[in-house]
Amino acid sequence: MLIGWLGWLGWRGAPRALGCVATVLLAVVGCTTVTDGTPNANTAIAPAYRASVSVSVSASVATSSKRESQRQQSLTTQAVVRACESFVTSSKEAVDKVNDFVAAYNQGRDTTAVEGPAVDALNHSADTTEGDSNGPLSQQLREALNAYEDAARDVAKAMRAHAGMDEFNQRVNLFNDTKTEAVKRCRASL
């Protein structure tokens, strides 16, 4: 049979064919060799290996914890900056508009033209401060910003209701006090 096969390939292809057959036979014989022995752990180095793994895991946990702590601190800082910047910017506009209203009132002018912008600025400041104070802020800062929001809304309500000057002044004084406290808490948080 081999002669017929070699005849088919021709005498030139015969060495190649025999080389391929020999390679396949070596691979089959090489893969079927069984090694004698008994598998067992090297108990002399096992404690050192366990200690090495334990140190590696502890270092990994410490590094992960430190990174998470840094990430949380960064998120808190970003939240404080966002909340305080929006509060400071919007409260300045609200104070300017309320001052325009007070100036018109004190001069005996018609306050209709300045009342609407003052009320809108106060409500906008309260809304903006409320919207940006939902992040991870300290309890003291959150309380100070919430008190400012409430006071700003109260001044706006007093203006809309055309409250008497005593009531209006009481609300404005509370508004100023809460604004001062919120500024103080923002500075302490940064």
N, C-alpha and C. Protein backbone atom coordinates (compact mmCIF):
# COMPACT_ATOMS: atom_id res chain seq x y z
N MET A 1 0.81 -1.17 0.00
CA MET A 1 0.00 0.00 0.00
C MET A 1 0.87 1.25 0.00
N LEU A 2 1.94 1.27 0.80
CA LEU A 2 2.83 2.41 0.85
C LEU A 2 3.45 2.66 -0.51
N ILE A 3 3.76 1.61 -1.24
CA ILE A 3 4.37 1.76 -2.56
C ILE A 3 3.38 2.42 -3.50
N GLY A 4 2.13 2.05 -3.43
CA GLY A 4 1.12 2.66 -4.28
C GLY A 4 0.93 4.14 -3.94
N TRP A 5 1.00 4.40 -2.72
CA TRP A 5 0.83 5.79 -2.27
C TRP A 5 2.03 6.62 -2.71
N LEU A 6 3.24 6.08 -2.55
CA LEU A 6 4.45 6.79 -2.97
C LEU A 6 4.46 6.96 -4.49
N GLY A 7 3.89 5.96 -5.17
CA GLY A 7 3.83 6.09 -6.62
C GLY A 7 2.91 7.21 -7.03
N TRP A 8 1.88 7.38 -6.29
CA TRP A 8 0.94 8.46 -6.59
C TRP A 8 1.59 9.82 -6.38
N LEU A 9 2.36 9.99 -5.29
CA LEU A 9 3.02 11.25 -5.00
C LEU A 9 4.23 11.48 -5.90
N GLY A 10 4.75 10.43 -6.33
CA GLY A 10 5.99 10.52 -7.10
C GLY A 10 7.16 10.46 -6.15
N TRP A 11 8.31 10.18 -6.72
CA TRP A 11 9.49 10.01 -5.88
C TRP A 11 9.93 11.33 -5.24
N ARG A 12 9.56 12.42 -5.79
CA ARG A 12 9.94 13.71 -5.18
C ARG A 12 9.12 14.01 -3.92
N GLY A 13 7.86 13.70 -3.88
CA GLY A 13 7.00 13.99 -2.73
C GLY A 13 7.12 12.95 -1.64
N ALA A 14 7.75 11.83 -1.93
CA ALA A 14 7.85 10.75 -0.97
C ALA A 14 8.57 11.18 0.31
N PRO A 15 9.71 11.86 0.24
CA PRO A 15 10.38 12.24 1.50
C PRO A 15 9.50 13.19 2.34
N ARG A 16 8.79 14.06 1.70
CA ARG A 16 7.92 14.97 2.44
C ARG A 16 6.81 14.18 3.14
N ALA A 17 6.21 13.28 2.46
CA ALA A 17 5.13 12.49 3.03
C ALA A 17 5.64 11.66 4.20
N LEU A 18 6.81 11.05 4.05
CA LEU A 18 7.38 10.25 5.14
C LEU A 18 7.73 11.15 6.33
N GLY A 19 8.20 12.37 6.08
CA GLY A 19 8.53 13.31 7.15
C GLY A 19 7.28 13.71 7.93
N CYS A 20 6.18 13.93 7.22
CA CYS A 20 4.92 14.29 7.88
C CYS A 20 4.42 13.14 8.74
N VAL A 21 4.49 11.91 8.20
CA VAL A 21 4.05 10.74 8.96
C VAL A 21 4.91 10.59 10.21
N ALA A 22 6.22 10.77 10.09
CA ALA A 22 7.12 10.65 11.23
C ALA A 22 6.81 11.72 12.28
N THR A 23 6.51 12.94 11.86
CA THR A 23 6.19 14.03 12.80
C THR A 23 4.92 13.72 13.56
N VAL A 24 3.92 13.22 12.87
CA VAL A 24 2.67 12.88 13.53
C VAL A 24 2.89 11.76 14.53
N LEU A 25 3.67 10.76 14.16
CA LEU A 25 3.93 9.64 15.08
C LEU A 25 4.70 10.10 16.31
N LEU A 26 5.68 11.02 16.14
CA LEU A 26 6.42 11.56 17.28
C LEU A 26 5.49 12.34 18.22
N ALA A 27 4.59 13.12 17.65
CA ALA A 27 3.66 13.91 18.46
C ALA A 27 2.75 12.99 19.26
N VAL A 28 2.26 11.93 18.62
CA VAL A 28 1.37 11.00 19.30
C VAL A 28 2.13 10.27 20.40
N VAL A 29 3.33 9.80 20.11
CA VAL A 29 4.11 9.08 21.11
C VAL A 29 4.52 10.02 22.24
N GLY A 30 4.91 11.28 21.91
CA GLY A 30 5.32 12.26 22.93
C GLY A 30 4.17 12.64 23.84
N CYS A 31 2.98 12.69 23.34
CA CYS A 31 1.83 13.08 24.16
C CYS A 31 1.33 11.95 25.03
N THR A 32 1.71 10.75 24.75
CA THR A 32 1.20 9.62 25.53
C THR A 32 2.16 9.20 26.62
N THR A 33 3.24 9.93 26.81
CA THR A 33 4.19 9.57 27.86
C THR A 33 3.64 10.02 29.21
N VAL A 34 3.65 9.15 30.20
CA VAL A 34 3.14 9.43 31.53
C VAL A 34 4.34 9.60 32.45
N THR A 35 4.28 10.64 33.26
CA THR A 35 5.36 10.89 34.22
C THR A 35 4.94 10.32 35.56
N ASP A 36 5.85 9.64 36.18
CA ASP A 36 5.58 9.06 37.49
C ASP A 36 5.79 10.12 38.57
N GLY A 37 5.13 9.95 39.70
CA GLY A 37 5.32 10.86 40.82
C GLY A 37 4.01 11.10 41.55
N THR A 38 4.11 11.78 42.67
CA THR A 38 2.94 12.10 43.48
C THR A 38 2.89 13.61 43.66
N PRO A 39 1.77 14.22 43.32
CA PRO A 39 1.68 15.67 43.51
C PRO A 39 1.48 16.01 44.99
N ASN A 40 2.26 16.94 45.48
CA ASN A 40 2.05 17.41 46.86
C ASN A 40 2.60 18.83 46.99
N ALA A 41 2.04 19.54 47.95
CA ALA A 41 2.45 20.93 48.17
C ALA A 41 3.75 20.98 48.93
N ASN A 42 4.52 22.00 48.64
CA ASN A 42 5.76 22.21 49.37
C ASN A 42 5.40 22.92 50.67
N THR A 43 5.23 22.15 51.72
CA THR A 43 4.77 22.70 52.99
C THR A 43 5.79 23.60 53.65
N ALA A 44 7.02 23.53 53.23
CA ALA A 44 8.05 24.38 53.83
C ALA A 44 7.86 25.84 53.41
N ILE A 45 7.40 26.07 52.17
CA ILE A 45 7.25 27.46 51.71
C ILE A 45 5.80 27.94 51.74
N ALA A 46 4.86 27.08 52.09
CA ALA A 46 3.44 27.46 52.12
C ALA A 46 3.18 28.62 53.09
N PRO A 47 3.72 28.64 54.32
CA PRO A 47 3.47 29.77 55.22
C PRO A 47 3.99 31.10 54.64
N ALA A 48 5.13 31.06 54.01
CA ALA A 48 5.68 32.28 53.41
C ALA A 48 4.79 32.76 52.27
N TYR A 49 4.27 31.82 51.50
CA TYR A 49 3.38 32.18 50.39
C TYR A 49 2.09 32.80 50.94
N ARG A 50 1.51 32.17 51.98
CA ARG A 50 0.29 32.71 52.58
C ARG A 50 0.53 34.12 53.13
N ALA A 51 1.66 34.31 53.79
CA ALA A 51 1.98 35.63 54.34
C ALA A 51 2.13 36.65 53.22
N SER A 52 2.75 36.25 52.13
CA SER A 52 2.94 37.15 50.98
C SER A 52 1.58 37.55 50.39
N VAL A 53 0.68 36.58 50.24
CA VAL A 53 -0.65 36.86 49.71
C VAL A 53 -1.41 37.78 50.66
N SER A 54 -1.30 37.53 51.97
CA SER A 54 -1.99 38.34 52.96
C SER A 54 -1.49 39.78 52.93
N VAL A 55 -0.19 39.98 52.82
CA VAL A 55 0.38 41.33 52.74
C VAL A 55 -0.09 42.02 51.47
N SER A 56 -0.12 41.27 50.37
CA SER A 56 -0.55 41.84 49.10
C SER A 56 -2.01 42.27 49.16
N VAL A 57 -2.86 41.44 49.74
CA VAL A 57 -4.28 41.77 49.86
C VAL A 57 -4.46 42.98 50.77
N SER A 58 -3.75 43.02 51.89
CA SER A 58 -3.85 44.16 52.81
C SER A 58 -3.41 45.45 52.13
N ALA A 59 -2.34 45.39 51.38
CA ALA A 59 -1.86 46.58 50.66
C ALA A 59 -2.88 47.03 49.63
N SER A 60 -3.48 46.07 48.95
CA SER A 60 -4.49 46.39 47.95
C SER A 60 -5.71 47.04 48.59
N VAL A 61 -6.15 46.50 49.72
CA VAL A 61 -7.30 47.07 50.42
C VAL A 61 -6.99 48.49 50.90
N ALA A 62 -5.79 48.67 51.44
CA ALA A 62 -5.40 50.01 51.93
C ALA A 62 -5.36 51.01 50.78
N THR A 63 -4.81 50.61 49.66
CA THR A 63 -4.73 51.49 48.50
C THR A 63 -6.12 51.82 47.98
N SER A 64 -6.98 50.81 47.90
CA SER A 64 -8.35 51.04 47.43
C SER A 64 -9.10 51.96 48.38
N SER A 65 -8.93 51.75 49.67
CA SER A 65 -9.60 52.58 50.66
C SER A 65 -9.12 54.03 50.56
N LYS A 66 -7.83 54.21 50.38
CA LYS A 66 -7.27 55.56 50.27
C LYS A 66 -7.81 56.24 49.01
N ARG A 67 -7.84 55.52 47.91
CA ARG A 67 -8.36 56.09 46.66
C ARG A 67 -9.84 56.46 46.80
N GLU A 68 -10.61 55.61 47.44
CA GLU A 68 -12.04 55.90 47.63
C GLU A 68 -12.22 57.11 48.53
N SER A 69 -11.41 57.20 49.56
CA SER A 69 -11.47 58.36 50.45
C SER A 69 -11.14 59.64 49.69
N GLN A 70 -10.12 59.60 48.84
CA GLN A 70 -9.77 60.76 48.03
C GLN A 70 -10.88 61.11 47.05
N ARG A 71 -11.51 60.10 46.48
CA ARG A 71 -12.60 60.33 45.54
C ARG A 71 -13.79 60.98 46.25
N GLN A 72 -14.11 60.48 47.44
CA GLN A 72 -15.22 61.05 48.21
C GLN A 72 -14.92 62.49 48.61
N GLN A 73 -13.67 62.76 49.00
CA GLN A 73 -13.29 64.12 49.37
C GLN A 73 -13.41 65.05 48.17
N SER A 74 -13.02 64.56 47.00
CA SER A 74 -13.12 65.36 45.78
C SER A 74 -14.58 65.66 45.45
N LEU A 75 -15.45 64.67 45.59
CA LEU A 75 -16.88 64.89 45.34
C LEU A 75 -17.48 65.90 46.33
N THR A 76 -17.06 65.80 47.58
CA THR A 76 -17.55 66.75 48.59
C THR A 76 -17.08 68.16 48.27
N THR A 77 -15.81 68.29 47.92
CA THR A 77 -15.28 69.62 47.57
C THR A 77 -16.02 70.21 46.38
N GLN A 78 -16.25 69.40 45.37
CA GLN A 78 -16.98 69.88 44.19
C GLN A 78 -18.40 70.31 44.56
N ALA A 79 -19.05 69.55 45.42
CA ALA A 79 -20.42 69.88 45.84
C ALA A 79 -20.45 71.19 46.63
N VAL A 80 -19.47 71.38 47.51
CA VAL A 80 -19.41 72.61 48.30
C VAL A 80 -19.17 73.81 47.39
N VAL A 81 -18.23 73.67 46.47
CA VAL A 81 -17.93 74.77 45.55
C VAL A 81 -19.16 75.12 44.72
N ARG A 82 -19.82 74.12 44.17
CA ARG A 82 -21.01 74.34 43.34
C ARG A 82 -22.11 75.03 44.15
N ALA A 83 -22.40 74.51 45.35
CA ALA A 83 -23.47 75.07 46.19
C ALA A 83 -23.14 76.50 46.62
N CYS A 84 -21.91 76.72 47.04
CA CYS A 84 -21.55 78.05 47.55
C CYS A 84 -21.44 79.08 46.42
N GLU A 85 -20.93 78.67 45.28
CA GLU A 85 -20.85 79.62 44.15
C GLU A 85 -22.24 80.05 43.70
N SER A 86 -23.15 79.10 43.55
CA SER A 86 -24.50 79.46 43.11
C SER A 86 -25.21 80.30 44.16
N PHE A 87 -25.00 79.99 45.44
CA PHE A 87 -25.59 80.78 46.52
C PHE A 87 -25.06 82.21 46.48
N VAL A 88 -23.74 82.37 46.43
CA VAL A 88 -23.14 83.71 46.48
C VAL A 88 -23.58 84.54 45.28
N THR A 89 -23.54 83.94 44.09
CA THR A 89 -23.90 84.67 42.88
C THR A 89 -25.37 85.08 42.89
N SER A 90 -26.24 84.13 43.19
CA SER A 90 -27.68 84.43 43.15
C SER A 90 -28.11 85.34 44.30
N SER A 91 -27.48 85.21 45.46
CA SER A 91 -27.86 86.06 46.59
C SER A 91 -27.43 87.50 46.36
N LYS A 92 -26.31 87.69 45.67
CA LYS A 92 -25.88 89.07 45.35
C LYS A 92 -26.92 89.74 44.47
N GLU A 93 -27.39 89.03 43.46
CA GLU A 93 -28.41 89.59 42.57
C GLU A 93 -29.69 89.89 43.36
N ALA A 94 -30.08 88.98 44.25
CA ALA A 94 -31.29 89.18 45.05
C ALA A 94 -31.14 90.40 45.96
N VAL A 95 -30.00 90.54 46.59
CA VAL A 95 -29.77 91.69 47.48
C VAL A 95 -29.82 92.99 46.68
N ASP A 96 -29.20 92.99 45.50
CA ASP A 96 -29.23 94.20 44.66
C ASP A 96 -30.66 94.59 44.29
N LYS A 97 -31.48 93.61 43.94
CA LYS A 97 -32.86 93.89 43.54
C LYS A 97 -33.71 94.34 44.74
N VAL A 98 -33.48 93.73 45.90
CA VAL A 98 -34.21 94.15 47.10
C VAL A 98 -33.79 95.58 47.47
N ASN A 99 -32.51 95.88 47.33
CA ASN A 99 -32.04 97.24 47.62
C ASN A 99 -32.67 98.26 46.67
N ASP A 100 -32.88 97.87 45.41
CA ASP A 100 -33.57 98.77 44.47
C ASP A 100 -35.00 99.03 44.94
N PHE A 101 -35.66 97.97 45.42
CA PHE A 101 -37.03 98.11 45.93
C PHE A 101 -37.04 99.03 47.16
N VAL A 102 -36.13 98.80 48.10
CA VAL A 102 -36.07 99.61 49.33
C VAL A 102 -35.78 101.07 48.99
N ALA A 103 -34.88 101.30 48.05
CA ALA A 103 -34.55 102.69 47.66
C ALA A 103 -35.77 103.38 47.08
N ALA A 104 -36.50 102.69 46.22
CA ALA A 104 -37.71 103.27 45.62
C ALA A 104 -38.74 103.56 46.71
N TYR A 105 -38.91 102.63 47.65
CA TYR A 105 -39.87 102.82 48.74
C TYR A 105 -39.47 104.01 49.61
N ASN A 106 -38.19 104.05 50.00
CA ASN A 106 -37.72 105.13 50.87
C ASN A 106 -37.81 106.50 50.21
N GLN A 107 -37.72 106.53 48.90
CA GLN A 107 -37.81 107.81 48.17
C GLN A 107 -39.26 108.16 47.83
N GLY A 108 -40.19 107.31 48.22
CA GLY A 108 -41.60 107.58 47.97
C GLY A 108 -42.01 107.35 46.52
N ARG A 109 -41.19 106.62 45.77
CA ARG A 109 -41.53 106.34 44.37
C ARG A 109 -42.44 105.12 44.29
N ASP A 110 -43.03 104.95 43.14
CA ASP A 110 -43.85 103.76 42.87
C ASP A 110 -42.92 102.55 42.82
N THR A 111 -43.21 101.54 43.61
CA THR A 111 -42.33 100.36 43.71
C THR A 111 -42.74 99.24 42.75
N THR A 112 -43.77 99.44 41.96
CA THR A 112 -44.27 98.39 41.07
C THR A 112 -43.20 97.90 40.11
N ALA A 113 -42.44 98.79 39.54
CA ALA A 113 -41.43 98.41 38.54
C ALA A 113 -40.27 97.61 39.13
N VAL A 114 -39.98 97.81 40.41
CA VAL A 114 -38.84 97.11 41.03
C VAL A 114 -39.27 95.93 41.90
N GLU A 115 -40.57 95.86 42.22
CA GLU A 115 -41.06 94.77 43.06
C GLU A 115 -40.94 93.41 42.37
N GLY A 116 -41.42 93.31 41.14
CA GLY A 116 -41.39 92.04 40.40
C GLY A 116 -39.97 91.50 40.24
N PRO A 117 -39.01 92.32 39.76
CA PRO A 117 -37.64 91.82 39.65
C PRO A 117 -37.04 91.39 40.99
N ALA A 118 -37.39 92.10 42.08
CA ALA A 118 -36.86 91.72 43.40
C ALA A 118 -37.44 90.38 43.84
N VAL A 119 -38.74 90.20 43.68
CA VAL A 119 -39.39 88.93 44.05
C VAL A 119 -38.81 87.79 43.21
N ASP A 120 -38.67 88.02 41.91
CA ASP A 120 -38.11 86.98 41.02
C ASP A 120 -36.68 86.63 41.42
N ALA A 121 -35.87 87.64 41.73
CA ALA A 121 -34.47 87.39 42.10
C ALA A 121 -34.39 86.61 43.42
N LEU A 122 -35.24 86.94 44.37
CA LEU A 122 -35.26 86.21 45.64
C LEU A 122 -35.65 84.75 45.44
N ASN A 123 -36.72 84.52 44.69
CA ASN A 123 -37.17 83.14 44.43
C ASN A 123 -36.15 82.37 43.59
N HIS A 124 -35.55 83.04 42.63
CA HIS A 124 -34.51 82.40 41.82
C HIS A 124 -33.32 82.01 42.69
N SER A 125 -32.91 82.89 43.57
CA SER A 125 -31.79 82.59 44.47
C SER A 125 -32.13 81.41 45.37
N ALA A 126 -33.33 81.40 45.91
CA ALA A 126 -33.75 80.28 46.77
C ALA A 126 -33.78 78.97 45.98
N ASP A 127 -34.34 79.02 44.77
CA ASP A 127 -34.41 77.81 43.94
C ASP A 127 -33.03 77.30 43.55
N THR A 128 -32.16 78.22 43.14
CA THR A 128 -30.81 77.84 42.72
C THR A 128 -30.03 77.25 43.89
N THR A 129 -30.11 77.90 45.03
CA THR A 129 -29.39 77.42 46.21
C THR A 129 -29.91 76.05 46.63
N GLU A 130 -31.22 75.89 46.60
CA GLU A 130 -31.82 74.60 46.96
C GLU A 130 -31.38 73.50 45.99
N GLY A 131 -31.38 73.81 44.70
CA GLY A 131 -31.02 72.82 43.69
C GLY A 131 -29.57 72.37 43.77
N ASP A 132 -28.69 73.28 44.18
CA ASP A 132 -27.27 72.95 44.23
C ASP A 132 -26.81 72.49 45.61
N SER A 133 -27.70 72.41 46.57
CA SER A 133 -27.28 72.00 47.92
C SER A 133 -27.68 70.56 48.23
N ASN A 134 -27.89 69.76 47.20
CA ASN A 134 -28.28 68.37 47.41
C ASN A 134 -27.10 67.41 47.46
N GLY A 135 -25.90 67.92 47.25
CA GLY A 135 -24.72 67.06 47.24
C GLY A 135 -24.26 66.71 48.64
N PRO A 136 -23.08 66.11 48.74
CA PRO A 136 -22.53 65.71 50.04
C PRO A 136 -21.96 66.90 50.80
N LEU A 137 -22.84 67.65 51.46
CA LEU A 137 -22.44 68.83 52.23
C LEU A 137 -22.48 68.50 53.72
N SER A 138 -21.75 69.28 54.51
CA SER A 138 -21.83 69.10 55.96
C SER A 138 -23.23 69.51 56.42
N GLN A 139 -23.61 68.99 57.55
CA GLN A 139 -24.93 69.30 58.11
C GLN A 139 -25.07 70.80 58.38
N GLN A 140 -24.00 71.42 58.89
CA GLN A 140 -24.05 72.85 59.21
C GLN A 140 -24.23 73.69 57.96
N LEU A 141 -23.51 73.35 56.90
CA LEU A 141 -23.64 74.11 55.65
C LEU A 141 -25.02 73.92 55.05
N ARG A 142 -25.50 72.70 55.03
CA ARG A 142 -26.83 72.42 54.49
C ARG A 142 -27.90 73.20 55.26
N GLU A 143 -27.81 73.20 56.59
CA GLU A 143 -28.78 73.94 57.41
C GLU A 143 -28.72 75.44 57.14
N ALA A 144 -27.51 75.97 57.00
CA ALA A 144 -27.35 77.41 56.73
C ALA A 144 -27.94 77.78 55.37
N LEU A 145 -27.71 76.94 54.36
CA LEU A 145 -28.26 77.21 53.02
C LEU A 145 -29.78 77.08 53.03
N ASN A 146 -30.29 76.08 53.76
CA ASN A 146 -31.75 75.92 53.85
C ASN A 146 -32.40 77.12 54.55
N ALA A 147 -31.76 77.62 55.61
CA ALA A 147 -32.29 78.78 56.32
C ALA A 147 -32.30 80.00 55.40
N TYR A 148 -31.25 80.15 54.59
CA TYR A 148 -31.21 81.26 53.63
C TYR A 148 -32.34 81.14 52.61
N GLU A 149 -32.54 79.93 52.09
CA GLU A 149 -33.62 79.72 51.11
C GLU A 149 -34.96 80.13 51.69
N ASP A 150 -35.24 79.68 52.92
CA ASP A 150 -36.52 80.01 53.56
C ASP A 150 -36.66 81.51 53.75
N ALA A 151 -35.60 82.16 54.20
CA ALA A 151 -35.65 83.60 54.44
C ALA A 151 -35.84 84.37 53.14
N ALA A 152 -35.19 83.93 52.07
CA ALA A 152 -35.35 84.61 50.76
C ALA A 152 -36.80 84.49 50.30
N ARG A 153 -37.39 83.31 50.45
CA ARG A 153 -38.80 83.12 50.05
C ARG A 153 -39.74 83.97 50.92
N ASP A 154 -39.41 84.09 52.22
CA ASP A 154 -40.24 84.91 53.11
C ASP A 154 -40.20 86.38 52.73
N VAL A 155 -39.05 86.90 52.35
CA VAL A 155 -38.96 88.30 51.92
C VAL A 155 -39.78 88.48 50.64
N ALA A 156 -39.67 87.53 49.72
CA ALA A 156 -40.44 87.62 48.47
C ALA A 156 -41.94 87.62 48.76
N LYS A 157 -42.37 86.77 49.67
CA LYS A 157 -43.81 86.73 50.04
C LYS A 157 -44.26 88.05 50.67
N ALA A 158 -43.42 88.60 51.53
CA ALA A 158 -43.77 89.88 52.18
C ALA A 158 -43.89 90.99 51.14
N MET A 159 -43.02 90.98 50.16
CA MET A 159 -43.09 92.00 49.10
C MET A 159 -44.35 91.83 48.28
N ARG A 160 -44.66 90.60 47.91
CA ARG A 160 -45.87 90.33 47.10
C ARG A 160 -47.14 90.71 47.86
N ALA A 161 -47.13 90.45 49.17
CA ALA A 161 -48.32 90.72 49.98
C ALA A 161 -48.40 92.18 50.41
N HIS A 162 -47.41 92.95 50.03
CA HIS A 162 -47.32 94.36 50.44
C HIS A 162 -47.45 94.49 51.96
N ALA A 163 -46.64 93.65 52.63
CA ALA A 163 -46.65 93.63 54.10
C ALA A 163 -46.22 95.00 54.63
N GLY A 164 -46.58 95.26 55.87
CA GLY A 164 -46.18 96.52 56.50
C GLY A 164 -44.67 96.60 56.63
N MET A 165 -44.19 97.81 56.82
CA MET A 165 -42.74 98.02 56.86
C MET A 165 -42.09 97.30 58.02
N ASP A 166 -42.73 97.20 59.18
CA ASP A 166 -42.13 96.48 60.31
C ASP A 166 -41.94 95.00 59.98
N GLU A 167 -42.98 94.38 59.43
CA GLU A 167 -42.88 92.96 59.06
C GLU A 167 -41.84 92.76 57.97
N PHE A 168 -41.86 93.64 56.98
CA PHE A 168 -40.89 93.55 55.89
C PHE A 168 -39.47 93.66 56.44
N ASN A 169 -39.22 94.62 57.32
CA ASN A 169 -37.89 94.81 57.89
C ASN A 169 -37.45 93.60 58.72
N GLN A 170 -38.37 93.00 59.47
CA GLN A 170 -38.04 91.80 60.24
C GLN A 170 -37.59 90.67 59.31
N ARG A 171 -38.31 90.51 58.22
CA ARG A 171 -37.96 89.44 57.27
C ARG A 171 -36.63 89.74 56.57
N VAL A 172 -36.41 91.00 56.24
CA VAL A 172 -35.14 91.38 55.61
C VAL A 172 -33.98 91.17 56.59
N ASN A 173 -34.18 91.51 57.86
CA ASN A 173 -33.13 91.29 58.86
C ASN A 173 -32.80 89.80 58.99
N LEU A 174 -33.83 88.96 59.03
CA LEU A 174 -33.60 87.52 59.09
C LEU A 174 -32.89 87.04 57.81
N PHE A 175 -33.32 87.56 56.68
CA PHE A 175 -32.68 87.23 55.40
C PHE A 175 -31.19 87.58 55.45
N ASN A 176 -30.85 88.78 55.94
CA ASN A 176 -29.45 89.20 56.03
C ASN A 176 -28.66 88.32 56.99
N ASP A 177 -29.27 87.97 58.12
CA ASP A 177 -28.60 87.12 59.10
C ASP A 177 -28.31 85.73 58.52
N THR A 178 -29.31 85.14 57.84
CA THR A 178 -29.11 83.80 57.27
C THR A 178 -28.09 83.85 56.13
N LYS A 179 -28.08 84.93 55.38
CA LYS A 179 -27.09 85.08 54.30
C LYS A 179 -25.69 85.15 54.90
N THR A 180 -25.53 85.94 55.96
CA THR A 180 -24.22 86.05 56.62
C THR A 180 -23.76 84.70 57.15
N GLU A 181 -24.67 83.95 57.76
CA GLU A 181 -24.33 82.62 58.30
C GLU A 181 -23.95 81.66 57.18
N ALA A 182 -24.67 81.69 56.08
CA ALA A 182 -24.37 80.80 54.96
C ALA A 182 -23.01 81.14 54.36
N VAL A 183 -22.70 82.41 54.25
CA VAL A 183 -21.37 82.82 53.75
C VAL A 183 -20.29 82.30 54.69
N LYS A 184 -20.51 82.45 55.98
CA LYS A 184 -19.55 81.96 56.99
C LYS A 184 -19.34 80.45 56.85
N ARG A 185 -20.43 79.69 56.69
CA ARG A 185 -20.34 78.23 56.56
C ARG A 185 -19.66 77.83 55.25
N CYS A 186 -19.90 78.59 54.20
CA CYS A 186 -19.22 78.31 52.92
C CYS A 186 -17.71 78.49 53.07
N ARG A 187 -17.32 79.59 53.70
CA ARG A 187 -15.88 79.83 53.88
C ARG A 187 -15.24 78.74 54.73
N ALA A 188 -15.93 78.30 55.77
CA ALA A 188 -15.39 77.25 56.64
C ALA A 188 -15.30 75.91 55.94
N SER A 189 -16.15 75.71 54.94
CA SER A 189 -16.20 74.41 54.24
C SER A 189 -15.19 74.30 53.11
N LEU A 190 -14.63 75.43 52.70
CA LEU A 190 -13.69 75.39 51.58
C LEU A 190 -12.26 75.26 52.02
